Structure formats: structure tokens, C-alpha cells
C-alpha atoms as a PDB file:
ATOM      1  CA  UNK A   1      29.392  57.085-136.872  1.00  0.00           C
ATOM      2  CA  UNK A   2      28.545  55.807-140.341  1.00  0.00           C
ATOM      3  CA  UNK A   3      25.240  54.438-139.055  1.00  0.00           C
ATOM      4  CA  UNK A   4      24.369  57.800-137.559  1.00  0.00           C
ATOM      5  CA  UNK A   5      25.176  59.538-140.843  1.00  0.00           C
ATOM      6  CA  UNK A   6      22.952  57.059-142.683  1.00  0.00           C
ATOM      7  CA  UNK A   7      20.020  58.296-140.623  1.00  0.00           C
ATOM      8  CA  UNK A   8      20.944  61.991-140.741  1.00  0.00           C
ATOM      9  CA  UNK A   9      21.984  62.374-144.378  1.00  0.00           C
ATOM     10  CA  UNK A  10      18.431  62.637-145.819  1.00  0.00           C
ATOM     11  CA  UNK A  11      17.810  65.647-143.561  1.00  0.00           C
ATOM     12  CA  UNK A  12      20.999  67.505-144.503  1.00  0.00           C
ATOM     13  CA  UNK A  13      21.102  70.137-147.199  1.00  0.00           C
ATOM     14  CA  UNK A  14      22.632  69.114-150.518  1.00  0.00           C
ATOM     15  CA  UNK A  15      25.601  71.409-149.892  1.00  0.00           C
ATOM     16  CA  UNK A  16      26.343  69.822-146.515  1.00  0.00           C
ATOM     17  CA  UNK A  17      25.734  66.317-147.852  1.00  0.00           C
ATOM     18  CA  UNK A  18      28.346  66.918-150.575  1.00  0.00           C
ATOM     19  CA  UNK A  19      30.858  68.229-148.035  1.00  0.00           C
ATOM     20  CA  UNK A  20      30.491  65.256-145.676  1.00  0.00           C
ATOM     21  CA  UNK A  21      32.891  62.372-146.173  1.00  0.00           C
ATOM     22  CA  UNK A  22      33.357  59.278-144.026  1.00  0.00           C
ATOM     23  CA  UNK A  23      36.846  57.807-144.215  1.00  0.00           C
ATOM     24  CA  UNK A  24      36.843  55.361-141.307  1.00  0.00           C
ATOM     25  CA  UNK A  25      40.315  53.857-140.973  1.00  0.00           C
ATOM     26  CA  UNK A  26      41.458  54.924-144.460  1.00  0.00           C
ATOM     27  CA  UNK A  27      44.107  57.436-143.388  1.00  0.00           C
ATOM     28  CA  UNK A  28      45.558  57.813-146.885  1.00  0.00           C
ATOM     29  CA  UNK A  29      42.202  58.883-148.329  1.00  0.00           C
ATOM     30  CA  UNK A  30      41.574  61.274-145.433  1.00  0.00           C
ATOM     31  CA  UNK A  31      44.962  62.961-145.756  1.00  0.00           C
ATOM     32  CA  UNK A  32      44.585  63.174-149.538  1.00  0.00           C
ATOM     33  CA  UNK A  33      41.151  64.800-149.147  1.00  0.00           C
ATOM     34  CA  UNK A  34      42.669  67.285-146.692  1.00  0.00           C
ATOM     35  CA  UNK A  35      45.339  68.164-149.250  1.00  0.00           C
ATOM     36  CA  UNK A  36      48.177  66.554-147.316  1.00  0.00           C
ATOM     37  CA  UNK A  37      50.800  64.315-148.866  1.00  0.00           C
ATOM     38  CA  UNK A  38      52.099  61.065-147.409  1.00  0.00           C
ATOM     39  CA  UNK A  39      54.958  61.432-144.971  1.00  0.00           C
ATOM     40  CA  UNK A  40      54.127  65.035-144.172  1.00  0.00           C
ATOM     41  CA  UNK A  41      56.097  66.252-141.155  1.00  0.00           C
ATOM     42  CA  UNK A  42      53.068  67.593-139.282  1.00  0.00           C
ATOM     43  CA  UNK A  43      51.362  64.190-138.952  1.00  0.00           C
ATOM     44  CA  UNK A  44      52.272  61.615-136.298  1.00  0.00           C
ATOM     45  CA  UNK A  45      53.779  58.326-137.495  1.00  0.00           C
ATOM     46  CA  UNK A  46      50.516  56.589-136.532  1.00  0.00           C
ATOM     47  CA  UNK A  47      48.771  58.529-139.310  1.00  0.00           C
ATOM     48  CA  UNK A  48      51.422  58.100-141.987  1.00  0.00           C
ATOM     49  CA  UNK A  49      53.502  61.162-141.161  1.00  0.00           C
ATOM     50  CA  UNK A  50      57.015  61.570-139.888  1.00  0.00           C
ATOM     51  CA  UNK A  51      56.382  63.476-136.642  1.00  0.00           C
ATOM     52  CA  UNK A  52      58.191  61.591-133.876  1.00  0.00           C
ATOM     53  CA  UNK A  53      57.298  61.652-130.164  1.00  0.00           C
ATOM     54  CA  UNK A  54      53.893  63.246-130.692  1.00  0.00           C
ATOM     55  CA  UNK A  55      52.006  63.997-127.462  1.00  0.00           C
ATOM     56  CA  UNK A  56      48.243  63.766-128.142  1.00  0.00           C
ATOM     57  CA  UNK A  57      47.505  65.702-124.932  1.00  0.00           C
ATOM     58  CA  UNK A  58      49.807  68.668-125.647  1.00  0.00           C
ATOM     59  CA  UNK A  59      46.934  71.144-125.416  1.00  0.00           C
ATOM     60  CA  UNK A  60      46.028  69.965-121.911  1.00  0.00           C
ATOM     61  CA  UNK A  61      49.555  70.617-120.690  1.00  0.00           C
ATOM     62  CA  UNK A  62      49.502  74.176-122.094  1.00  0.00           C
ATOM     63  CA  UNK A  63      46.078  74.928-120.585  1.00  0.00           C
ATOM     64  CA  UNK A  64      47.180  73.714-117.155  1.00  0.00           C
ATOM     65  CA  UNK A  65      50.199  76.041-117.299  1.00  0.00           C
ATOM     66  CA  UNK A  66      47.916  78.990-118.058  1.00  0.00           C
ATOM     67  CA  UNK A  67      45.576  78.093-115.200  1.00  0.00           C
ATOM     68  CA  UNK A  68      48.433  77.912-112.680  1.00  0.00           C
ATOM     69  CA  UNK A  69      49.583  81.465-113.479  1.00  0.00           C
END
């Protein structure tokens, strides 16, 4: 993704260029930029939060229930 942004960034407006940030695997920097604090309850443990038993496909389960009705 960073390589793609290297090619695209010269064509972006200054406003969009300033709003684009690449964090890679730096979860702490990404959560800090989003205004979240470490150990926040809404983040899964994998991302430094305290949310246990997080199902990454929760939205698929809810959509399938709606389709069945």
C-alpha cells in the first residue's frame, strides 16, 4: 500500500495529502491518531484493546439473518 501511495501522492490535492497517513503495523500510532487511548474497550486484544472474543465477521452473521427473513 505504501508503494501505491508513493505513486499517487503527487496527484492528490494538498488537503488530501495532509489527511493521508500510513501507519503499517504501528497500532499505537494509528489508535492515537484516531483519538483512542490504549486499552480502550471497543478494540480487540489484537489491536491493543480489551475486547474479548471479538468476531471479525459479525456483520456477515447479521446480514444473513436479515436475508433469511
